[in-house]
Amino acid sequence: MNSKSLIILVLLAILSFFYLETFGRRGSPSWEPLNWQDSDGWSDESKYGKLYDTQAMEFLKGEIVAIEELNPYSGMRTGIHLIIKTADDQVSVQLGPSWYILNQGLKFEVGENIEITGSRIPLVDKHVVVAKEIWKDDGHLQLRDELGIPYWCSKCAPNRDNIKK
């Protein structure tokens, strides 16, 4: 094998490696977000999403006592749910779909103190707070815009554009 053939072979191997790294894992380029899935019940137009009320906003400050994955309604994808102990009460706080929350780079741990702005909604037989924003010592996570439209829902984006401010 001559040096020219060896160089071509090495270049093909490198290109193959980069192709597999870029497209092989998820079928889409690695620089794109994870397969931004259909929200499966988490969009602003779903039964659950329509409960979010920008007129019923609350500010909570407390300690995380539990972190769970749950389905608010049958047929919805799982979501991340926190139980927060405030000065007065324990509050259930729903963040959003697991696939989105777990890919935001902000990790939550039991025992951490956090601050949350969200909308208190009736859900089945209790009230929960659906988070709009979360603050903690090492970061801030904004989950919904001022209209209550979730950032994980790419098909909801036109709703932002159609609402006059």
N, C-alpha and C. Protein backbone atom coordinates (compact mmCIF):
# COMPACT_ATOMS: atom_id res chain seq x y z
N MET A 1 0.85 -1.17 0.00
CA MET A 1 0.00 0.00 0.00
C MET A 1 0.90 1.24 0.00
N ASN A 2 0.68 2.14 -0.92
CA ASN A 2 1.50 3.34 -0.99
C ASN A 2 0.98 4.40 -0.01
N SER A 3 1.74 5.45 0.18
CA SER A 3 1.40 6.48 1.16
C SER A 3 0.12 7.24 0.79
N LYS A 4 -0.12 7.42 -0.50
CA LYS A 4 -1.33 8.12 -0.94
C LYS A 4 -2.57 7.31 -0.57
N SER A 5 -2.54 6.01 -0.76
CA SER A 5 -3.66 5.14 -0.40
C SER A 5 -3.86 5.12 1.11
N LEU A 6 -2.77 5.13 1.86
CA LEU A 6 -2.85 5.13 3.32
C LEU A 6 -3.49 6.43 3.82
N ILE A 7 -3.12 7.56 3.23
CA ILE A 7 -3.70 8.85 3.61
C ILE A 7 -5.20 8.86 3.32
N ILE A 8 -5.59 8.37 2.16
CA ILE A 8 -7.02 8.31 1.80
C ILE A 8 -7.77 7.41 2.77
N LEU A 9 -7.20 6.27 3.13
CA LEU A 9 -7.82 5.35 4.06
C LEU A 9 -8.00 5.99 5.44
N VAL A 10 -6.98 6.70 5.91
CA VAL A 10 -7.06 7.37 7.21
C VAL A 10 -8.13 8.47 7.17
N LEU A 11 -8.17 9.24 6.09
CA LEU A 11 -9.19 10.28 5.97
C LEU A 11 -10.60 9.70 5.95
N LEU A 12 -10.78 8.60 5.25
CA LEU A 12 -12.09 7.93 5.24
C LEU A 12 -12.48 7.44 6.63
N ALA A 13 -11.52 6.91 7.36
CA ALA A 13 -11.78 6.44 8.72
C ALA A 13 -12.19 7.60 9.62
N ILE A 14 -11.49 8.74 9.50
CA ILE A 14 -11.82 9.91 10.31
C ILE A 14 -13.21 10.44 9.95
N LEU A 15 -13.51 10.55 8.67
CA LEU A 15 -14.82 11.01 8.23
C LEU A 15 -15.93 10.07 8.71
N SER A 16 -15.67 8.77 8.63
CA SER A 16 -16.65 7.79 9.12
C SER A 16 -16.90 7.98 10.60
N PHE A 17 -15.85 8.18 11.37
CA PHE A 17 -15.98 8.39 12.81
C PHE A 17 -16.85 9.61 13.09
N PHE A 18 -16.55 10.75 12.44
CA PHE A 18 -17.33 11.96 12.67
C PHE A 18 -18.78 11.81 12.20
N TYR A 19 -19.00 11.10 11.13
CA TYR A 19 -20.36 10.86 10.67
C TYR A 19 -21.15 10.08 11.72
N LEU A 20 -20.55 9.00 12.22
CA LEU A 20 -21.23 8.18 13.23
C LEU A 20 -21.46 8.96 14.52
N GLU A 21 -20.50 9.76 14.94
CA GLU A 21 -20.66 10.58 16.14
C GLU A 21 -21.77 11.61 15.97
N THR A 22 -21.86 12.17 14.77
CA THR A 22 -22.83 13.23 14.54
C THR A 22 -24.24 12.68 14.29
N PHE A 23 -24.35 11.65 13.47
CA PHE A 23 -25.67 11.17 13.08
C PHE A 23 -26.05 9.82 13.68
N GLY A 24 -25.11 9.09 14.20
CA GLY A 24 -25.37 7.71 14.61
C GLY A 24 -26.17 7.53 15.87
N ARG A 25 -26.05 8.45 16.82
CA ARG A 25 -26.71 8.26 18.10
C ARG A 25 -28.20 8.44 18.05
N ARG A 26 -28.64 9.54 17.45
CA ARG A 26 -30.06 9.85 17.49
C ARG A 26 -30.66 10.03 16.11
N GLY A 27 -29.85 9.90 15.08
CA GLY A 27 -30.37 10.11 13.74
C GLY A 27 -30.47 11.57 13.37
N SER A 28 -29.94 12.45 14.22
CA SER A 28 -29.92 13.87 13.91
C SER A 28 -28.58 14.43 14.36
N PRO A 29 -28.18 15.55 13.81
CA PRO A 29 -26.88 16.11 14.20
C PRO A 29 -26.79 16.37 15.69
N SER A 30 -25.62 16.11 16.28
CA SER A 30 -25.45 16.25 17.72
C SER A 30 -25.53 17.70 18.17
N TRP A 31 -25.37 18.66 17.27
CA TRP A 31 -25.46 20.06 17.67
C TRP A 31 -26.91 20.52 17.76
N GLU A 32 -27.83 19.71 17.29
CA GLU A 32 -29.24 20.04 17.43
C GLU A 32 -29.73 19.54 18.77
N PRO A 33 -30.80 20.13 19.31
CA PRO A 33 -31.33 19.66 20.59
C PRO A 33 -31.78 18.20 20.47
N LEU A 34 -31.87 17.55 21.61
CA LEU A 34 -32.41 16.20 21.61
C LEU A 34 -33.76 16.23 20.92
N ASN A 35 -34.09 15.18 20.25
CA ASN A 35 -35.34 15.04 19.53
C ASN A 35 -36.47 15.74 20.29
N TRP A 36 -36.70 17.01 20.01
CA TRP A 36 -37.72 17.78 20.71
C TRP A 36 -39.06 17.17 20.36
N GLN A 37 -39.43 16.27 21.20
CA GLN A 37 -40.59 15.42 20.96
C GLN A 37 -41.88 16.21 21.04
N ASP A 38 -42.91 15.63 20.49
CA ASP A 38 -44.24 16.16 20.69
C ASP A 38 -44.44 16.19 22.20
N SER A 39 -45.06 17.20 22.68
CA SER A 39 -45.17 17.39 24.12
C SER A 39 -46.08 16.38 24.81
N ASP A 40 -46.83 15.62 24.06
CA ASP A 40 -47.69 14.58 24.65
C ASP A 40 -48.38 15.02 25.93
N GLY A 41 -49.21 16.02 25.81
CA GLY A 41 -49.99 16.47 26.95
C GLY A 41 -49.38 17.63 27.71
N TRP A 42 -48.16 18.02 27.41
CA TRP A 42 -47.48 19.10 28.13
C TRP A 42 -47.57 20.43 27.38
N SER A 43 -48.23 20.49 26.24
CA SER A 43 -48.29 21.76 25.49
C SER A 43 -49.27 22.72 26.16
N ASP A 44 -49.25 23.96 25.74
CA ASP A 44 -50.15 24.96 26.31
C ASP A 44 -51.60 24.74 25.88
N GLU A 45 -51.82 23.95 24.83
CA GLU A 45 -53.17 23.69 24.33
C GLU A 45 -53.77 22.39 24.87
N SER A 46 -53.02 21.64 25.67
CA SER A 46 -53.52 20.38 26.21
C SER A 46 -54.44 20.64 27.40
N LYS A 47 -55.14 19.60 27.84
CA LYS A 47 -56.00 19.68 29.02
C LYS A 47 -55.20 20.20 30.22
N TYR A 48 -54.01 19.66 30.39
CA TYR A 48 -53.12 20.06 31.48
C TYR A 48 -52.62 21.49 31.27
N GLY A 49 -52.15 21.80 30.07
CA GLY A 49 -51.60 23.12 29.78
C GLY A 49 -52.61 24.24 29.94
N LYS A 50 -53.87 23.96 29.66
CA LYS A 50 -54.91 24.99 29.78
C LYS A 50 -55.22 25.35 31.23
N LEU A 51 -54.76 24.52 32.17
CA LEU A 51 -54.97 24.83 33.59
C LEU A 51 -54.04 25.95 34.07
N TYR A 52 -52.92 26.14 33.39
CA TYR A 52 -51.94 27.15 33.79
C TYR A 52 -52.59 28.53 33.69
N ASP A 53 -52.51 29.29 34.77
CA ASP A 53 -53.19 30.58 34.84
C ASP A 53 -52.19 31.66 35.21
N THR A 54 -51.89 32.55 34.29
CA THR A 54 -50.93 33.62 34.55
C THR A 54 -51.46 34.62 35.59
N GLN A 55 -52.75 34.55 35.90
CA GLN A 55 -53.33 35.42 36.93
C GLN A 55 -53.25 34.80 38.32
N ALA A 56 -52.82 33.56 38.41
CA ALA A 56 -52.72 32.86 39.71
C ALA A 56 -51.27 32.51 40.03
N MET A 57 -50.39 33.49 39.86
CA MET A 57 -48.96 33.25 40.08
C MET A 57 -48.61 33.36 41.56
N GLU A 58 -47.64 32.52 41.97
CA GLU A 58 -47.16 32.53 43.34
C GLU A 58 -45.64 32.48 43.34
N PHE A 59 -45.07 32.96 44.42
CA PHE A 59 -43.63 32.84 44.64
C PHE A 59 -43.44 31.95 45.85
N LEU A 60 -42.65 30.89 45.69
CA LEU A 60 -42.37 29.95 46.77
C LEU A 60 -40.88 29.90 47.05
N LYS A 61 -40.56 29.68 48.29
CA LYS A 61 -39.18 29.52 48.70
C LYS A 61 -39.14 28.36 49.69
N GLY A 62 -38.29 27.37 49.42
CA GLY A 62 -38.26 26.25 50.33
C GLY A 62 -37.18 25.24 50.00
N GLU A 63 -37.26 24.14 50.70
CA GLU A 63 -36.28 23.06 50.56
C GLU A 63 -36.91 21.87 49.84
N ILE A 64 -36.17 21.30 48.91
CA ILE A 64 -36.65 20.12 48.20
C ILE A 64 -36.61 18.93 49.16
N VAL A 65 -37.76 18.28 49.36
CA VAL A 65 -37.81 17.10 50.22
C VAL A 65 -38.01 15.82 49.41
N ALA A 66 -38.44 15.94 48.15
CA ALA A 66 -38.60 14.76 47.30
C ALA A 66 -38.57 15.19 45.84
N ILE A 67 -38.04 14.29 45.00
CA ILE A 67 -38.00 14.48 43.55
C ILE A 67 -38.59 13.23 42.93
N GLU A 68 -39.59 13.40 42.08
CA GLU A 68 -40.28 12.25 41.50
C GLU A 68 -40.51 12.46 40.01
N GLU A 69 -40.72 11.36 39.31
CA GLU A 69 -41.23 11.41 37.94
C GLU A 69 -42.68 10.96 38.01
N LEU A 70 -43.56 11.65 37.32
CA LEU A 70 -44.97 11.28 37.34
C LEU A 70 -45.64 11.68 36.05
N ASN A 71 -46.85 11.18 35.87
CA ASN A 71 -47.71 11.55 34.75
C ASN A 71 -48.90 12.29 35.34
N PRO A 72 -49.00 13.61 35.15
CA PRO A 72 -50.14 14.34 35.72
C PRO A 72 -51.50 13.79 35.28
N TYR A 73 -51.61 13.41 34.01
CA TYR A 73 -52.83 12.81 33.49
C TYR A 73 -52.45 11.55 32.71
N SER A 74 -53.35 10.63 32.63
CA SER A 74 -53.13 9.42 31.85
C SER A 74 -52.82 9.80 30.40
N GLY A 75 -51.82 9.14 29.83
CA GLY A 75 -51.44 9.39 28.45
C GLY A 75 -50.35 10.43 28.27
N MET A 76 -50.02 11.15 29.34
CA MET A 76 -48.95 12.14 29.25
C MET A 76 -47.61 11.46 29.47
N ARG A 77 -46.57 12.00 28.87
CA ARG A 77 -45.22 11.54 29.18
C ARG A 77 -44.91 11.90 30.62
N THR A 78 -43.90 11.24 31.19
CA THR A 78 -43.55 11.55 32.57
C THR A 78 -42.97 12.95 32.68
N GLY A 79 -43.14 13.52 33.85
CA GLY A 79 -42.62 14.84 34.14
C GLY A 79 -41.87 14.83 35.46
N ILE A 80 -41.08 15.86 35.68
CA ILE A 80 -40.35 16.00 36.93
C ILE A 80 -41.21 16.80 37.90
N HIS A 81 -41.31 16.28 39.12
CA HIS A 81 -42.18 16.79 40.15
C HIS A 81 -41.35 16.92 41.43
N LEU A 82 -41.41 18.08 42.06
CA LEU A 82 -40.70 18.30 43.31
C LEU A 82 -41.69 18.51 44.44
N ILE A 83 -41.34 18.02 45.62
CA ILE A 83 -42.09 18.36 46.82
C ILE A 83 -41.20 19.34 47.57
N ILE A 84 -41.75 20.52 47.85
CA ILE A 84 -41.01 21.60 48.49
C ILE A 84 -41.58 21.85 49.88
N LYS A 85 -40.71 21.92 50.87
CA LYS A 85 -41.14 22.29 52.22
C LYS A 85 -40.88 23.78 52.38
N THR A 86 -41.97 24.55 52.48
CA THR A 86 -41.86 25.99 52.70
C THR A 86 -41.97 26.24 54.21
N ALA A 87 -41.96 27.49 54.60
CA ALA A 87 -42.09 27.84 56.01
C ALA A 87 -43.45 27.42 56.57
N ASP A 88 -44.47 27.37 55.67
CA ASP A 88 -45.84 27.10 56.12
C ASP A 88 -46.39 25.73 55.76
N ASP A 89 -45.84 25.08 54.73
CA ASP A 89 -46.54 23.94 54.14
C ASP A 89 -45.59 23.10 53.30
N GLN A 90 -46.11 21.98 52.81
CA GLN A 90 -45.42 21.23 51.76
C GLN A 90 -46.20 21.45 50.47
N VAL A 91 -45.49 21.76 49.41
CA VAL A 91 -46.13 22.11 48.15
C VAL A 91 -45.61 21.19 47.05
N SER A 92 -46.52 20.70 46.22
CA SER A 92 -46.15 19.91 45.05
C SER A 92 -45.89 20.87 43.90
N VAL A 93 -44.73 20.72 43.25
CA VAL A 93 -44.35 21.60 42.16
C VAL A 93 -44.01 20.76 40.94
N GLN A 94 -44.68 21.03 39.83
CA GLN A 94 -44.42 20.32 38.59
C GLN A 94 -43.60 21.21 37.68
N LEU A 95 -42.49 20.65 37.17
CA LEU A 95 -41.58 21.44 36.35
C LEU A 95 -41.89 21.34 34.87
N GLY A 96 -42.01 20.13 34.34
CA GLY A 96 -42.24 19.93 32.91
C GLY A 96 -41.87 18.51 32.54
N PRO A 97 -41.92 18.19 31.25
CA PRO A 97 -41.63 16.82 30.82
C PRO A 97 -40.19 16.42 31.14
N SER A 98 -40.02 15.19 31.59
CA SER A 98 -38.71 14.68 32.01
C SER A 98 -37.66 14.86 30.93
N TRP A 99 -37.99 14.52 29.68
CA TRP A 99 -37.00 14.58 28.61
C TRP A 99 -36.45 15.99 28.44
N TYR A 100 -37.23 17.00 28.77
CA TYR A 100 -36.77 18.37 28.66
C TYR A 100 -35.98 18.80 29.90
N ILE A 101 -36.56 18.59 31.06
CA ILE A 101 -35.94 19.04 32.32
C ILE A 101 -34.58 18.39 32.51
N LEU A 102 -34.47 17.10 32.23
CA LEU A 102 -33.21 16.38 32.45
C LEU A 102 -32.11 16.79 31.47
N ASN A 103 -32.45 17.56 30.45
CA ASN A 103 -31.45 18.01 29.48
C ASN A 103 -31.16 19.50 29.56
N GLN A 104 -31.51 20.13 30.67
CA GLN A 104 -31.28 21.56 30.81
C GLN A 104 -30.00 21.91 31.55
N GLY A 105 -29.33 20.91 32.13
CA GLY A 105 -28.05 21.16 32.79
C GLY A 105 -28.18 21.66 34.21
N LEU A 106 -29.37 21.87 34.71
CA LEU A 106 -29.56 22.28 36.10
C LEU A 106 -30.10 21.07 36.85
N LYS A 107 -29.31 20.57 37.79
CA LYS A 107 -29.69 19.37 38.54
C LYS A 107 -30.33 19.76 39.87
N PHE A 108 -31.26 18.96 40.31
CA PHE A 108 -31.94 19.18 41.58
C PHE A 108 -31.60 18.05 42.54
N GLU A 109 -31.46 18.39 43.83
CA GLU A 109 -31.15 17.39 44.85
C GLU A 109 -32.00 17.64 46.08
N VAL A 110 -32.38 16.55 46.74
CA VAL A 110 -33.10 16.65 48.00
C VAL A 110 -32.20 17.42 48.98
N GLY A 111 -32.81 18.33 49.71
CA GLY A 111 -32.07 19.14 50.67
C GLY A 111 -31.68 20.52 50.16
N GLU A 112 -31.76 20.73 48.85
CA GLU A 112 -31.42 22.03 48.28
C GLU A 112 -32.54 23.04 48.54
N ASN A 113 -32.14 24.28 48.71
CA ASN A 113 -33.10 25.38 48.82
C ASN A 113 -33.29 25.99 47.45
N ILE A 114 -34.54 26.20 47.08
CA ILE A 114 -34.85 26.78 45.78
C ILE A 114 -35.96 27.82 45.93
N GLU A 115 -36.08 28.64 44.91
CA GLU A 115 -37.16 29.62 44.81
C GLU A 115 -37.88 29.36 43.50
N ILE A 116 -39.19 29.46 43.54
CA ILE A 116 -40.00 29.12 42.37
C ILE A 116 -41.08 30.17 42.17
N THR A 117 -41.29 30.54 40.92
CA THR A 117 -42.47 31.30 40.53
C THR A 117 -43.30 30.36 39.68
N GLY A 118 -44.59 30.27 39.99
CA GLY A 118 -45.44 29.38 39.22
C GLY A 118 -46.90 29.65 39.43
N SER A 119 -47.72 28.88 38.74
CA SER A 119 -49.17 29.01 38.77
C SER A 119 -49.77 27.85 39.56
N ARG A 120 -50.56 28.17 40.57
CA ARG A 120 -51.24 27.12 41.35
C ARG A 120 -52.48 26.68 40.56
N ILE A 121 -52.57 25.37 40.32
CA ILE A 121 -53.68 24.84 39.53
C ILE A 121 -54.36 23.69 40.27
N PRO A 122 -55.64 23.47 40.00
CA PRO A 122 -56.30 22.29 40.54
C PRO A 122 -55.94 21.08 39.67
N LEU A 123 -55.52 20.01 40.29
CA LEU A 123 -55.17 18.82 39.53
C LEU A 123 -55.72 17.60 40.24
N VAL A 124 -56.66 16.95 39.60
CA VAL A 124 -57.37 15.80 40.14
C VAL A 124 -57.98 16.19 41.48
N ASP A 125 -57.42 15.74 42.62
CA ASP A 125 -58.04 16.02 43.91
C ASP A 125 -57.17 16.92 44.80
N LYS A 126 -56.22 17.62 44.19
CA LYS A 126 -55.35 18.50 44.99
C LYS A 126 -54.92 19.69 44.13
N HIS A 127 -54.19 20.58 44.74
CA HIS A 127 -53.62 21.72 44.02
C HIS A 127 -52.11 21.54 43.94
N VAL A 128 -51.55 21.91 42.80
CA VAL A 128 -50.11 21.87 42.59
C VAL A 128 -49.69 23.20 41.99
N VAL A 129 -48.39 23.46 42.07
CA VAL A 129 -47.86 24.66 41.42
C VAL A 129 -47.10 24.20 40.19
N VAL A 130 -47.44 24.79 39.05
CA VAL A 130 -46.73 24.52 37.81
C VAL A 130 -45.68 25.62 37.66
N ALA A 131 -44.41 25.21 37.66
CA ALA A 131 -43.31 26.18 37.70
C ALA A 131 -43.17 26.95 36.39
N LYS A 132 -42.92 28.23 36.53
CA LYS A 132 -42.55 29.10 35.41
C LYS A 132 -41.05 29.31 35.42
N GLU A 133 -40.49 29.57 36.61
CA GLU A 133 -39.05 29.80 36.77
C GLU A 133 -38.59 29.21 38.08
N ILE A 134 -37.33 28.78 38.10
CA ILE A 134 -36.72 28.23 39.31
C ILE A 134 -35.34 28.86 39.47
N TRP A 135 -35.05 29.24 40.70
CA TRP A 135 -33.72 29.76 41.04
C TRP A 135 -33.13 28.89 42.13
N LYS A 136 -31.84 28.65 42.03
CA LYS A 136 -31.09 28.00 43.10
C LYS A 136 -29.68 28.56 43.07
N ASP A 137 -28.88 28.19 44.06
CA ASP A 137 -27.54 28.79 44.19
C ASP A 137 -26.73 28.73 42.91
N ASP A 138 -26.82 27.62 42.19
CA ASP A 138 -25.95 27.45 41.03
C ASP A 138 -26.65 27.63 39.68
N GLY A 139 -27.82 28.28 39.69
CA GLY A 139 -28.43 28.51 38.39
C GLY A 139 -29.87 28.96 38.43
N HIS A 140 -30.38 29.20 37.25
CA HIS A 140 -31.74 29.68 37.03
C HIS A 140 -32.29 28.91 35.83
N LEU A 141 -33.53 28.48 35.92
CA LEU A 141 -34.16 27.76 34.83
C LEU A 141 -35.51 28.40 34.55
N GLN A 142 -35.69 28.91 33.33
CA GLN A 142 -36.96 29.48 32.92
C GLN A 142 -37.68 28.43 32.08
N LEU A 143 -38.88 28.06 32.50
CA LEU A 143 -39.63 26.99 31.85
C LEU A 143 -40.76 27.49 30.95
N ARG A 144 -41.31 28.63 31.27
CA ARG A 144 -42.42 29.20 30.50
C ARG A 144 -42.18 30.69 30.32
N ASP A 145 -42.76 31.23 29.27
CA ASP A 145 -42.63 32.67 29.05
C ASP A 145 -43.71 33.41 29.85
N GLU A 146 -43.78 34.73 29.69
CA GLU A 146 -44.73 35.54 30.46
C GLU A 146 -46.18 35.21 30.12
N LEU A 147 -46.43 34.57 28.98
CA LEU A 147 -47.78 34.16 28.59
C LEU A 147 -48.13 32.77 29.10
N GLY A 148 -47.14 32.09 29.71
CA GLY A 148 -47.36 30.73 30.21
C GLY A 148 -47.07 29.65 29.20
N ILE A 149 -46.53 30.01 28.05
CA ILE A 149 -46.25 29.04 26.99
C ILE A 149 -44.92 28.35 27.30
N PRO A 150 -44.90 27.02 27.35
CA PRO A 150 -43.68 26.29 27.72
C PRO A 150 -42.60 26.37 26.63
N TYR A 151 -41.36 26.51 27.08
CA TYR A 151 -40.23 26.59 26.16
C TYR A 151 -39.91 25.24 25.50
N TRP A 152 -40.36 24.14 26.08
CA TRP A 152 -40.06 22.84 25.48
C TRP A 152 -40.94 22.52 24.29
N CYS A 153 -41.97 23.26 24.09
CA CYS A 153 -42.96 22.94 23.06
C CYS A 153 -42.70 23.75 21.80
N SER A 154 -41.96 23.18 20.86
CA SER A 154 -41.64 23.91 19.63
C SER A 154 -42.89 24.21 18.81
N LYS A 155 -43.89 23.35 18.87
CA LYS A 155 -45.10 23.62 18.09
C LYS A 155 -45.97 24.68 18.76
N CYS A 156 -45.63 25.07 20.00
CA CYS A 156 -46.35 26.14 20.69
C CYS A 156 -45.82 27.52 20.31
N ALA A 157 -44.62 27.57 19.75
CA ALA A 157 -43.98 28.85 19.44
C ALA A 157 -44.87 29.78 18.61
N PRO A 158 -45.62 29.28 17.63
CA PRO A 158 -46.50 30.20 16.88
C PRO A 158 -47.50 30.90 17.79
N ASN A 159 -47.91 30.27 18.89
CA ASN A 159 -48.84 30.91 19.82
C ASN A 159 -48.22 32.18 20.40
N ARG A 160 -46.90 32.15 20.67
CA ARG A 160 -46.20 33.33 21.18
C ARG A 160 -46.28 34.46 20.16
N ASP A 161 -46.09 34.13 18.89
CA ASP A 161 -46.06 35.12 17.83
C ASP A 161 -47.44 35.72 17.55
N ASN A 162 -48.49 34.94 17.79
CA ASN A 162 -49.85 35.39 17.45
C ASN A 162 -50.52 36.21 18.54
N ILE A 163 -49.93 36.24 19.71
CA ILE A 163 -50.53 36.98 20.82
C ILE A 163 -49.95 38.39 20.84
N LYS A 164 -50.82 39.37 20.80
CA LYS A 164 -50.37 40.76 20.82
C LYS A 164 -50.05 41.15 22.25
N LYS A 165 -48.92 41.80 22.38
CA LYS A 165 -48.49 42.21 23.71
C LYS A 165 -48.90 43.62 23.99
